[in-house]
Amino acid sequence: YTHDELKALTDVLLRHPHVWIMTDDMYEHL
């Protein structure tokens, strides 16, 4: 996900304060 694609998702999550986010960044460097 590009920064902008991810920002679109985080904008949704901001509207739902009861939802927590669990990231799996295992392939970050690949």
PDB file of all heavy atoms in Angstrom:
ATOM      1  N   TYR A   1       0.842  -1.198   0.000  1.00  0.00           N
ATOM      2  CA  TYR A   1       0.000   0.000   0.000  1.00  0.00           C
ATOM      3  C   TYR A   1       0.878   1.249   0.000  1.00  0.00           C
ATOM      4  O   TYR A   1       1.771   1.392   0.834  1.00  0.00           O
ATOM      5  CB  TYR A   1      -0.893   0.028   1.236  1.00  0.00           C
ATOM      6  CG  TYR A   1      -2.023  -0.975   1.245  1.00  0.00           C
ATOM      7  CD1 TYR A   1      -1.770  -2.334   1.401  1.00  0.00           C
ATOM      8  CD2 TYR A   1      -3.349  -0.561   1.105  1.00  0.00           C
ATOM      9  CE1 TYR A   1      -2.807  -3.258   1.420  1.00  0.00           C
ATOM     10  CE2 TYR A   1      -4.391  -1.474   1.127  1.00  0.00           C
ATOM     11  CZ  TYR A   1      -4.116  -2.825   1.278  1.00  0.00           C
ATOM     12  OH  TYR A   1      -5.150  -3.738   1.300  1.00  0.00           O
ATOM     13  N   THR A   2       0.614   2.161  -0.932  1.00  0.00           N
ATOM     14  CA  THR A   2       1.313   3.441  -0.938  1.00  0.00           C
ATOM     15  C   THR A   2       0.843   4.278   0.250  1.00  0.00           C
ATOM     16  O   THR A   2      -0.156   3.959   0.914  1.00  0.00           O
ATOM     17  CB  THR A   2       1.019   4.223  -2.221  1.00  0.00           C
ATOM     18  OG1 THR A   2      -0.381   4.568  -2.247  1.00  0.00           O
ATOM     19  CG2 THR A   2       1.367   3.406  -3.454  1.00  0.00           C
ATOM     20  N   HIS A   3       1.567   5.347   0.516  1.00  0.00           N
ATOM     21  CA  HIS A   3       1.187   6.259   1.606  1.00  0.00           C
ATOM     22  C   HIS A   3      -0.244   6.752   1.423  1.00  0.00           C
ATOM     23  O   HIS A   3      -1.041   6.768   2.372  1.00  0.00           O
ATOM     24  CB  HIS A   3       2.165   7.442   1.647  1.00  0.00           C
ATOM     25  CG  HIS A   3       1.952   8.382   2.798  1.00  0.00           C
ATOM     26  ND1 HIS A   3       0.919   9.300   2.812  1.00  0.00           N
ATOM     27  CD2 HIS A   3       2.613   8.528   3.976  1.00  0.00           C
ATOM     28  CE1 HIS A   3       0.975  10.000   3.943  1.00  0.00           C
ATOM     29  NE2 HIS A   3       1.987   9.540   4.657  1.00  0.00           N
ATOM     30  N   ASP A   4      -0.599   7.141   0.201  1.00  0.00           N
ATOM     31  CA  ASP A   4      -1.950   7.675  -0.053  1.00  0.00           C
ATOM     32  C   ASP A   4      -3.012   6.593   0.106  1.00  0.00           C
ATOM     33  O   ASP A   4      -4.108   6.857   0.621  1.00  0.00           O
ATOM     34  CB  ASP A   4      -2.026   8.290  -1.448  1.00  0.00           C
ATOM     35  CG  ASP A   4      -1.245   9.593  -1.557  1.00  0.00           C
ATOM     36  OD1 ASP A   4      -0.878  10.153  -0.496  1.00  0.00           O
ATOM     37  OD2 ASP A   4      -0.987  10.043  -2.687  1.00  0.00           O
ATOM     38  N   GLU A   5      -2.720   5.384  -0.360  1.00  0.00           N
ATOM     39  CA  GLU A   5      -3.689   4.285  -0.206  1.00  0.00           C
ATOM     40  C   GLU A   5      -3.903   3.955   1.263  1.00  0.00           C
ATOM     41  O   GLU A   5      -5.030   3.686   1.700  1.00  0.00           O
ATOM     42  CB  GLU A   5      -3.194   3.050  -0.962  1.00  0.00           C
ATOM     43  CG  GLU A   5      -3.255   3.192  -2.475  1.00  0.00           C
ATOM     44  CD  GLU A   5      -2.497   2.104  -3.217  1.00  0.00           C
ATOM     45  OE1 GLU A   5      -1.585   1.482  -2.622  1.00  0.00           O
ATOM     46  OE2 GLU A   5      -2.799   1.873  -4.409  1.00  0.00           O
ATOM     47  N   LEU A   6      -2.824   4.002   2.019  1.00  0.00           N
ATOM     48  CA  LEU A   6      -2.934   3.738   3.453  1.00  0.00           C
ATOM     49  C   LEU A   6      -3.648   4.876   4.171  1.00  0.00           C
ATOM     50  O   LEU A   6      -4.451   4.638   5.079  1.00  0.00           O
ATOM     51  CB  LEU A   6      -1.530   3.524   4.032  1.00  0.00           C
ATOM     52  CG  LEU A   6      -1.407   3.082   5.484  1.00  0.00           C
ATOM     53  CD1 LEU A   6      -2.373   1.959   5.822  1.00  0.00           C
ATOM     54  CD2 LEU A   6       0.015   2.653   5.779  1.00  0.00           C
ATOM     55  N   LYS A   7      -3.405   6.104   3.762  1.00  0.00           N
ATOM     56  CA  LYS A   7      -4.074   7.254   4.368  1.00  0.00           C
ATOM     57  C   LYS A   7      -5.588   7.167   4.182  1.00  0.00           C
ATOM     58  O   LYS A   7      -6.375   7.528   5.090  1.00  0.00           O
ATOM     59  CB  LYS A   7      -3.560   8.559   3.757  1.00  0.00           C
ATOM     60  CG  LYS A   7      -4.124   9.826   4.416  1.00  0.00           C
ATOM     61  CD  LYS A   7      -3.684   9.940   5.868  1.00  0.00           C
ATOM     62  CE  LYS A   7      -4.000  11.306   6.466  1.00  0.00           C
ATOM     63  NZ  LYS A   7      -5.441  11.563   6.610  1.00  0.00           N
ATOM     64  N   ALA A   8      -6.026   6.657   3.032  1.00  0.00           N
ATOM     65  CA  ALA A   8      -7.470   6.489   2.802  1.00  0.00           C
ATOM     66  C   ALA A   8      -8.065   5.508   3.815  1.00  0.00           C
ATOM     67  O   ALA A   8      -9.188   5.704   4.295  1.00  0.00           O
ATOM     68  CB  ALA A   8      -7.724   6.006   1.381  1.00  0.00           C
ATOM     69  N   LEU A   9      -7.303   4.454   4.159  1.00  0.00           N
ATOM     70  CA  LEU A   9      -7.786   3.492   5.158  1.00  0.00           C
ATOM     71  C   LEU A   9      -7.760   4.085   6.561  1.00  0.00           C
ATOM     72  O   LEU A   9      -8.700   3.891   7.350  1.00  0.00           O
ATOM     73  CB  LEU A   9      -6.935   2.223   5.117  1.00  0.00           C
ATOM     74  CG  LEU A   9      -6.937   1.421   3.817  1.00  0.00           C
ATOM     75  CD1 LEU A   9      -6.074   0.161   3.972  1.00  0.00           C
ATOM     76  CD2 LEU A   9      -8.346   1.037   3.390  1.00  0.00           C
ATOM     77  N   THR A  10      -6.707   4.805   6.901  1.00  0.00           N
ATOM     78  CA  THR A  10      -6.636   5.381   8.247  1.00  0.00           C
ATOM     79  C   THR A  10      -7.696   6.456   8.447  1.00  0.00           C
ATOM     80  O   THR A  10      -8.185   6.644   9.559  1.00  0.00           O
ATOM     81  CB  THR A  10      -5.232   5.953   8.541  1.00  0.00           C
ATOM     82  OG1 THR A  10      -4.901   6.953   7.582  1.00  0.00           O
ATOM     83  CG2 THR A  10      -4.188   4.854   8.513  1.00  0.00           C
ATOM     84  N   ASP A  11      -8.094   7.139   7.369  1.00  0.00           N
ATOM     85  CA  ASP A  11      -9.189   8.106   7.475  1.00  0.00           C
ATOM     86  C   ASP A  11     -10.486   7.417   7.890  1.00  0.00           C
ATOM     87  O   ASP A  11     -11.269   7.953   8.682  1.00  0.00           O
ATOM     88  CB  ASP A  11      -9.394   8.841   6.150  1.00  0.00           C
ATOM     89  CG  ASP A  11      -8.328   9.900   5.885  1.00  0.00           C
ATOM     90  OD1 ASP A  11      -7.565  10.223   6.817  1.00  0.00           O
ATOM     91  OD2 ASP A  11      -8.248  10.384   4.739  1.00  0.00           O
ATOM     92  N   VAL A  12     -10.705   6.208   7.353  1.00  0.00           N
ATOM     93  CA  VAL A  12     -11.880   5.421   7.755  1.00  0.00           C
ATOM     94  C   VAL A  12     -11.776   5.053   9.224  1.00  0.00           C
ATOM     95  O   VAL A  12     -12.735   5.194   9.999  1.00  0.00           O
ATOM     96  CB  VAL A  12     -12.010   4.151   6.890  1.00  0.00           C
ATOM     97  CG1 VAL A  12     -13.108   3.232   7.431  1.00  0.00           C
ATOM     98  CG2 VAL A  12     -12.281   4.517   5.437  1.00  0.00           C
ATOM     99  N   LEU A  13     -10.607   4.596   9.645  1.00  0.00           N
ATOM    100  CA  LEU A  13     -10.420   4.136  11.025  1.00  0.00           C
ATOM    101  C   LEU A  13     -10.565   5.275  12.024  1.00  0.00           C
ATOM    102  O   LEU A  13     -11.016   5.059  13.160  1.00  0.00           O
ATOM    103  CB  LEU A  13      -9.056   3.461  11.157  1.00  0.00           C
ATOM    104  CG  LEU A  13      -8.934   2.170  10.342  1.00  0.00           C
ATOM    105  CD1 LEU A  13      -7.474   1.771  10.177  1.00  0.00           C
ATOM    106  CD2 LEU A  13      -9.723   1.044  10.992  1.00  0.00           C
ATOM    107  N   LEU A  14     -10.230   6.482  11.627  1.00  0.00           N
ATOM    108  CA  LEU A  14     -10.429   7.642  12.506  1.00  0.00           C
ATOM    109  C   LEU A  14     -11.898   7.843  12.839  1.00  0.00           C
ATOM    110  O   LEU A  14     -12.239   8.342  13.918  1.00  0.00           O
ATOM    111  CB  LEU A  14      -9.862   8.907  11.847  1.00  0.00           C
ATOM    112  CG  LEU A  14      -8.340   9.067  11.844  1.00  0.00           C
ATOM    113  CD1 LEU A  14      -7.939  10.288  11.032  1.00  0.00           C
ATOM    114  CD2 LEU A  14      -7.808   9.188  13.268  1.00  0.00           C
ATOM    115  N   ARG A  15     -12.762   7.447  11.921  1.00  0.00           N
ATOM    116  CA  ARG A  15     -14.214   7.612  12.136  1.00  0.00           C
ATOM    117  C   ARG A  15     -14.798   6.513  13.022  1.00  0.00           C
ATOM    118  O   ARG A  15     -15.980   6.554  13.362  1.00  0.00           O
ATOM    119  CB  ARG A  15     -14.943   7.638  10.788  1.00  0.00           C
ATOM    120  CG  ARG A  15     -14.545   8.822   9.910  1.00  0.00           C
ATOM    121  CD  ARG A  15     -15.544   9.018   8.779  1.00  0.00           C
ATOM    122  NE  ARG A  15     -15.520   7.945   7.790  1.00  0.00           N
ATOM    123  CZ  ARG A  15     -14.738   7.941   6.721  1.00  0.00           C
ATOM    124  NH1 ARG A  15     -13.890   8.947   6.511  1.00  0.00           N
ATOM    125  NH2 ARG A  15     -14.787   6.943   5.850  1.00  0.00           N
ATOM    126  N   HIS A  16     -13.990   5.518  13.364  1.00  0.00           N
ATOM    127  CA  HIS A  16     -14.476   4.386  14.167  1.00  0.00           C
ATOM    128  C   HIS A  16     -13.535   4.174  15.358  1.00  0.00           C
ATOM    129  O   HIS A  16     -12.702   3.264  15.356  1.00  0.00           O
ATOM    130  CB  HIS A  16     -14.551   3.127  13.301  1.00  0.00           C
ATOM    131  CG  HIS A  16     -15.507   3.248  12.154  1.00  0.00           C
ATOM    132  ND1 HIS A  16     -16.864   3.067  12.287  1.00  0.00           N
ATOM    133  CD2 HIS A  16     -15.292   3.559  10.844  1.00  0.00           C
ATOM    134  CE1 HIS A  16     -17.449   3.235  11.112  1.00  0.00           C
ATOM    135  NE2 HIS A  16     -16.522   3.541  10.216  1.00  0.00           N
ATOM    136  N   PRO A  17     -13.680   4.979  16.394  1.00  0.00           N
ATOM    137  CA  PRO A  17     -12.719   4.945  17.510  1.00  0.00           C
ATOM    138  C   PRO A  17     -12.729   3.654  18.321  1.00  0.00           C
ATOM    139  O   PRO A  17     -11.831   3.437  19.132  1.00  0.00           O
ATOM    140  CB  PRO A  17     -13.141   6.139  18.366  1.00  0.00           C
ATOM    141  CG  PRO A  17     -14.547   6.437  17.977  1.00  0.00           C
ATOM    142  CD  PRO A  17     -14.668   6.060  16.539  1.00  0.00           C
ATOM    143  N   HIS A  18     -13.719   2.775  18.096  1.00  0.00           N
ATOM    144  CA  HIS A  18     -13.746   1.501  18.821  1.00  0.00           C
ATOM    145  C   HIS A  18     -12.893   0.429  18.134  1.00  0.00           C
ATOM    146  O   HIS A  18     -12.710  -0.661  18.693  1.00  0.00           O
ATOM    147  CB  HIS A  18     -15.188   0.993  18.947  1.00  0.00           C
ATOM    148  CG  HIS A  18     -15.825   0.612  17.644  1.00  0.00           C
ATOM    149  ND1 HIS A  18     -16.150   1.528  16.665  1.00  0.00           N
ATOM    150  CD2 HIS A  18     -16.195  -0.604  17.146  1.00  0.00           C
ATOM    151  CE1 HIS A  18     -16.696   0.896  15.641  1.00  0.00           C
ATOM    152  NE2 HIS A  18     -16.728  -0.395  15.896  1.00  0.00           N
ATOM    153  N   VAL A  19     -12.369   0.723  16.944  1.00  0.00           N
ATOM    154  CA  VAL A  19     -11.596  -0.265  16.183  1.00  0.00           C
ATOM    155  C   VAL A  19     -10.104  -0.043  16.422  1.00  0.00           C
ATOM    156  O   VAL A  19      -9.583   1.059  16.238  1.00  0.00           O
ATOM    157  CB  VAL A  19     -11.902  -0.173  14.677  1.00  0.00           C
ATOM    158  CG1 VAL A  19     -11.077  -1.195  13.905  1.00  0.00           C
ATOM    159  CG2 VAL A  19     -13.396  -0.388  14.420  1.00  0.00           C
ATOM    160  N   TRP A  20      -9.426  -1.117  16.814  1.00  0.00           N
ATOM    161  CA  TRP A  20      -7.975  -1.093  16.988  1.00  0.00           C
ATOM    162  C   TRP A  20      -7.316  -1.650  15.726  1.00  0.00           C
ATOM    163  O   TRP A  20      -7.934  -2.401  14.971  1.00  0.00           O
ATOM    164  CB  TRP A  20      -7.570  -1.929  18.203  1.00  0.00           C
ATOM    165  CG  TRP A  20      -7.828  -1.227  19.506  1.00  0.00           C
ATOM    166  CD1 TRP A  20      -9.018  -0.706  19.946  1.00  0.00           C
ATOM    167  CD2 TRP A  20      -6.873  -0.944  20.523  1.00  0.00           C
ATOM    168  NE1 TRP A  20      -8.865  -0.139  21.172  1.00  0.00           N
ATOM    169  CE2 TRP A  20      -7.564  -0.269  21.578  1.00  0.00           C
ATOM    170  CE3 TRP A  20      -5.520  -1.221  20.686  1.00  0.00           C
ATOM    171  CZ2 TRP A  20      -6.937   0.151  22.737  1.00  0.00           C
ATOM    172  CZ3 TRP A  20      -4.882  -0.804  21.847  1.00  0.00           C
ATOM    173  CH2 TRP A  20      -5.582  -0.123  22.852  1.00  0.00           C
ATOM    174  N   ILE A  21      -6.044  -1.278  15.528  1.00  0.00           N
ATOM    175  CA  ILE A  21      -5.318  -1.659  14.320  1.00  0.00           C
ATOM    176  C   ILE A  21      -4.147  -2.549  14.709  1.00  0.00           C
ATOM    177  O   ILE A  21      -3.336  -2.182  15.562  1.00  0.00           O
ATOM    178  CB  ILE A  21      -4.809  -0.419  13.554  1.00  0.00           C
ATOM    179  CG1 ILE A  21      -5.981   0.498  13.176  1.00  0.00           C
ATOM    180  CG2 ILE A  21      -4.039  -0.845  12.297  1.00  0.00           C
ATOM    181  CD1 ILE A  21      -6.252   1.585  14.179  1.00  0.00           C
ATOM    182  N   MET A  22      -4.074  -3.725  14.081  1.00  0.00           N
ATOM    183  CA  MET A  22      -2.959  -4.640  14.271  1.00  0.00           C
ATOM    184  C   MET A  22      -2.226  -4.734  12.937  1.00  0.00           C
ATOM    185  O   MET A  22      -2.772  -5.230  11.957  1.00  0.00           O
ATOM    186  CB  MET A  22      -3.461  -6.025  14.700  1.00  0.00           C
ATOM    187  CG  MET A  22      -2.365  -7.031  14.979  1.00  0.00           C
ATOM    188  SD  MET A  22      -3.026  -8.666  15.418  1.00  0.00           S
ATOM    189  CE  MET A  22      -3.924  -8.290  16.919  1.00  0.00           C
ATOM    190  N   THR A  23      -0.987  -4.237  12.895  1.00  0.00           N
ATOM    191  CA  THR A  23      -0.238  -4.284  11.648  1.00  0.00           C
ATOM    192  C   THR A  23       0.651  -5.523  11.625  1.00  0.00           C
ATOM    193  O   THR A  23       1.128  -5.977  12.660  1.00  0.00           O
ATOM    194  CB  THR A  23       0.652  -3.048  11.468  1.00  0.00           C
ATOM    195  OG1 THR A  23       1.859  -3.204  12.222  1.00  0.00           O
ATOM    196  CG2 THR A  23      -0.066  -1.783  11.894  1.00  0.00           C
ATOM    197  N   ASP A  24       0.869  -6.047  10.449  1.00  0.00           N
ATOM    198  CA  ASP A  24       1.849  -7.114  10.240  1.00  0.00           C
ATOM    199  C   ASP A  24       2.837  -6.571   9.221  1.00  0.00           C
ATOM    200  O   ASP A  24       2.597  -6.616   8.016  1.00  0.00           O
ATOM    201  CB  ASP A  24       1.160  -8.381   9.749  1.00  0.00           C
ATOM    202  CG  ASP A  24       2.124  -9.544   9.550  1.00  0.00           C
ATOM    203  OD1 ASP A  24       3.357  -9.314   9.564  1.00  0.00           O
ATOM    204  OD2 ASP A  24       1.661 -10.682   9.355  1.00  0.00           O
ATOM    205  N   ASP A  25       3.953  -6.050   9.726  1.00  0.00           N
ATOM    206  CA  ASP A  25       4.943  -5.366   8.890  1.00  0.00           C
ATOM    207  C   ASP A  25       6.144  -6.262   8.567  1.00  0.00           C
ATOM    208  O   ASP A  25       7.240  -5.769   8.288  1.00  0.00           O
ATOM    209  CB  ASP A  25       5.450  -4.103   9.607  1.00  0.00           C
ATOM    210  CG  ASP A  25       4.360  -3.078   9.859  1.00  0.00           C
ATOM    211  OD1 ASP A  25       3.277  -3.202   9.265  1.00  0.00           O
ATOM    212  OD2 ASP A  25       4.587  -2.153  10.658  1.00  0.00           O
ATOM    213  N   MET A  26       5.930  -7.577   8.599  1.00  0.00           N
ATOM    214  CA  MET A  26       7.040  -8.524   8.496  1.00  0.00           C
ATOM    215  C   MET A  26       7.860  -8.371   7.216  1.00  0.00           C
ATOM    216  O   MET A  26       9.055  -8.675   7.185  1.00  0.00           O
ATOM    217  CB  MET A  26       6.503  -9.953   8.610  1.00  0.00           C
ATOM    218  CG  MET A  26       7.560 -11.005   8.822  1.00  0.00           C
ATOM    219  SD  MET A  26       8.487 -10.845  10.367  1.00  0.00           S
ATOM    220  CE  MET A  26       7.304 -11.460  11.562  1.00  0.00           C
ATOM    221  N   TYR A  27       7.232  -7.876   6.138  1.00  0.00           N
ATOM    222  CA  TYR A  27       7.944  -7.762   4.858  1.00  0.00           C
ATOM    223  C   TYR A  27       8.369  -6.317   4.574  1.00  0.00           C
ATOM    224  O   TYR A  27       8.631  -5.959   3.421  1.00  0.00           O
ATOM    225  CB  TYR A  27       7.058  -8.294   3.729  1.00  0.00           C
ATOM    226  CG  TYR A  27       6.737  -9.765   3.891  1.00  0.00           C
ATOM    227  CD1 TYR A  27       5.595 -10.177   4.579  1.00  0.00           C
ATOM    228  CD2 TYR A  27       7.587 -10.748   3.398  1.00  0.00           C
ATOM    229  CE1 TYR A  27       5.310 -11.527   4.767  1.00  0.00           C
ATOM    230  CE2 TYR A  27       7.312 -12.096   3.577  1.00  0.00           C
ATOM    231  CZ  TYR A  27       6.172 -12.478   4.265  1.00  0.00           C
ATOM    232  OH  TYR A  27       5.904 -13.817   4.444  1.00  0.00           O
ATOM    233  N   GLU A  28       8.467  -5.522   5.606  1.00  0.00           N
ATOM    234  CA  GLU A  28       8.789  -4.098   5.482  1.00  0.00           C
ATOM    235  C   GLU A  28       9.996  -3.818   4.598  1.00  0.00           C
ATOM    236  O   GLU A  28       9.973  -2.909   3.761  1.00  0.00           O
ATOM    237  CB  GLU A  28       9.043  -3.522   6.884  1.00  0.00           C
ATOM    238  CG  GLU A  28       9.652  -2.141   6.896  1.00  0.00           C
ATOM    239  CD  GLU A  28      10.013  -1.665   8.297  1.00  0.00           C
ATOM    240  OE1 GLU A  28       9.891  -2.459   9.256  1.00  0.00           O
ATOM    241  OE2 GLU A  28      10.415  -0.495   8.421  1.00  0.00           O
ATOM    242  N   HIS A  29      11.065  -4.562   4.779  1.00  0.00           N
ATOM    243  CA  HIS A  29      12.311  -4.273   4.063  1.00  0.00           C
ATOM    244  C   HIS A  29      12.385  -4.942   2.693  1.00  0.00           C
ATOM    245  O   HIS A  29      13.339  -4.706   1.951  1.00  0.00           O
ATOM    246  CB  HIS A  29      13.505  -4.703   4.908  1.00  0.00           C
ATOM    247  CG  HIS A  29      13.696  -3.862   6.142  1.00  0.00           C
ATOM    248  ND1 HIS A  29      13.932  -2.510   6.102  1.00  0.00           N
ATOM    249  CD2 HIS A  29      13.663  -4.200   7.464  1.00  0.00           C
ATOM    250  CE1 HIS A  29      14.049  -2.037   7.332  1.00  0.00           C
ATOM    251  NE2 HIS A  29      13.889  -3.043   8.170  1.00  0.00           N
ATOM    252  N   LEU A  30      11.398  -5.772   2.377  1.00  0.00           N
ATOM    253  CA  LEU A  30      11.393  -6.467   1.083  1.00  0.00           C
ATOM    254  C   LEU A  30      10.459  -5.718   0.134  1.00  0.00           C
ATOM    255  O   LEU A  30       9.342  -6.138  -0.154  1.00  0.00           O
ATOM    256  CB  LEU A  30      10.954  -7.917   1.259  1.00  0.00           C
ATOM    257  CG  LEU A  30      11.821  -8.744   2.219  1.00  0.00           C
ATOM    258  CD1 LEU A  30      11.243 -10.128   2.412  1.00  0.00           C
ATOM    259  CD2 LEU A  30      13.250  -8.841   1.707  1.00  0.00           C
TER     260      LEU A  30
END
